[in-house]
C-alpha cells in the first residue's frame, strides 16, 4: 500500500487544493511541451526530411505539397541517388527558407488587401 495515497486523497478532497494541483499540472504540461518542441527543433536543425515528414511537420497533404511544387511555391528539394527517380529530401534550411517565403507572401497579400 502506498503510504502517500491517503494523504493525497485527503488533500485532493479539498477543492482549493485540488484546483491548485491541477493548475500546477497544466503548467508543467505546457513547459514539457515547450521543452519537447525545442528538442525537436534542435534535432531538425541538421536534418533533412522526406516528403511525408515535411508534410506532417507543416500540416500539409502530399497533394498540396506537389501542387505547391508545380506552382513554384514549394520548398527546394534534392534527390538522393538517381537525379530523376531518387528519393526526395528537403533540408532544414530549405524548410526554413520556404517558411520565410510563405510568411512574406502572406504579408504581401495582407498589405495588398488593405
Protein backbone atom coordinates (compact mmCIF):
# COMPACT_ATOMS: atom_id res chain seq x y z
CA UNK A 1 0.00 0.00 0.00
CA UNK A 2 1.22 3.46 -0.89
CA UNK A 3 1.66 5.49 2.30
CA UNK A 4 1.17 8.77 0.44
CA UNK A 5 -2.15 7.68 -1.08
CA UNK A 6 -4.33 8.60 1.93
CA UNK A 7 -2.52 11.93 2.26
CA UNK A 8 -3.03 12.63 -1.42
CA UNK A 9 -6.68 11.64 -1.26
CA UNK A 10 -7.26 13.87 1.78
CA UNK A 11 -5.53 16.82 0.11
CA UNK A 12 -7.42 16.27 -3.13
CA UNK A 13 -10.77 16.29 -1.33
CA UNK A 14 -10.24 20.00 -0.64
CA UNK A 15 -11.45 21.87 -3.73
CA UNK A 16 -8.94 24.72 -3.44
CA UNK A 17 -6.02 22.33 -3.07
CA UNK A 18 -7.24 20.18 -5.95
CA UNK A 19 -7.59 23.22 -8.21
CA UNK A 20 -4.10 24.41 -7.27
CA UNK A 21 -2.62 20.98 -8.05
CA UNK A 22 -4.48 20.81 -11.37
CA UNK A 23 -3.22 24.26 -12.31
CA UNK A 24 0.35 23.24 -11.49
CA UNK A 25 -0.03 20.08 -13.58
CA UNK A 26 -1.28 22.12 -16.56
CA UNK A 27 1.69 24.47 -16.24
CA UNK A 28 4.09 21.52 -16.08
CA UNK A 29 2.49 20.02 -19.20
CA UNK A 30 2.87 23.31 -21.06
CA UNK A 31 6.50 23.51 -20.02
CA UNK A 32 7.17 19.93 -21.09
CA UNK A 33 5.55 20.58 -24.48
CA UNK A 34 7.79 23.63 -24.98
CA UNK A 35 10.89 21.65 -23.97
CA UNK A 36 10.00 18.78 -26.30
CA UNK A 37 9.30 21.21 -29.15
CA UNK A 38 12.71 22.84 -28.64
CA UNK A 39 14.42 19.46 -28.61
CA UNK A 40 12.58 18.56 -31.79
CA UNK A 41 13.71 21.85 -33.39
CA UNK A 42 17.32 21.21 -32.38
CA UNK A 43 17.21 17.75 -33.89
CA UNK A 44 15.63 19.21 -37.04
CA UNK A 45 18.38 21.82 -37.44
CA UNK A 46 20.75 19.40 -39.16
CA UNK A 47 18.15 17.04 -40.54
CA UNK A 48 16.65 16.54 -43.92
CA UNK A 49 13.09 15.40 -44.32
CA UNK A 50 11.19 13.04 -46.54
CA UNK A 51 8.08 14.43 -48.22
CA UNK A 52 5.96 12.65 -45.60
CA UNK A 53 7.95 14.11 -42.70
CA UNK A 54 7.90 17.60 -44.19
CA UNK A 55 4.15 17.43 -44.80
CA UNK A 56 3.47 16.19 -41.27
CA UNK A 57 5.58 18.98 -39.72
CA UNK A 58 3.94 21.64 -41.89
CA UNK A 59 0.40 20.24 -41.73
CA UNK A 60 0.18 19.73 -45.50
CA UNK A 61 -1.23 16.90 -47.55
CA UNK A 62 1.02 15.27 -50.14
CA UNK A 63 -1.30 16.61 -52.86
CA UNK A 64 -0.85 20.16 -51.59
CA UNK A 65 2.92 19.66 -51.37
CA UNK A 66 3.16 18.55 -55.00
CA UNK A 67 0.75 21.28 -56.12
CA UNK A 68 2.98 23.88 -54.44
CA UNK A 69 5.99 22.41 -56.24
CA UNK A 70 4.15 22.69 -59.59
CA UNK A 71 3.32 26.33 -58.83
CA UNK A 72 6.96 27.06 -57.98
CA UNK A 73 5.94 27.77 -54.36
CA UNK A 74 7.26 24.58 -52.79
CA UNK A 75 10.49 24.12 -50.86
CA UNK A 76 13.77 23.46 -52.61
CA UNK A 77 14.13 19.70 -52.87
CA UNK A 78 17.07 17.45 -53.53
CA UNK A 79 17.12 13.97 -54.95
CA UNK A 80 19.16 11.29 -53.25
CA UNK A 81 20.56 8.73 -55.66
CA UNK A 82 19.09 8.86 -59.14
CA UNK A 83 18.54 12.50 -60.22
CA UNK A 84 15.09 11.69 -61.64
CA UNK A 85 13.79 8.79 -59.56
CA UNK A 86 15.79 9.29 -56.38
CA UNK A 87 14.17 9.87 -53.03
CA UNK A 88 13.14 13.48 -52.44
CA UNK A 89 14.63 15.14 -49.38
CA UNK A 90 14.08 18.63 -48.00
CA UNK A 91 16.85 20.11 -45.87
CA UNK A 92 16.15 22.02 -42.68
CA UNK A 93 17.49 25.17 -44.38
CA UNK A 94 15.13 24.66 -47.34
CA UNK A 95 12.23 24.24 -44.90
CA UNK A 96 13.21 27.44 -43.09
CA UNK A 97 13.56 29.36 -46.38
CA UNK A 98 10.19 28.03 -47.54
CA UNK A 99 8.53 29.16 -44.30
CA UNK A 100 10.01 32.68 -44.65
CA UNK A 101 8.84 32.87 -48.28
CA UNK A 102 5.30 31.84 -47.30
CA UNK A 103 5.34 34.43 -44.50
CA UNK A 104 6.45 37.15 -46.93
CA UNK A 105 3.72 36.06 -49.34
CA UNK A 106 1.08 36.29 -46.58
CA UNK A 107 2.30 39.73 -45.50
CA UNK A 108 2.20 40.99 -49.09
CA UNK A 109 -1.35 39.65 -49.53
CA UNK A 110 -2.49 41.29 -46.28
CA UNK A 111 -0.89 44.60 -47.25
CA UNK A 112 -2.49 44.50 -50.72
CA UNK A 113 -5.90 43.80 -49.18
CA UNK A 114 -5.78 47.00 -47.09
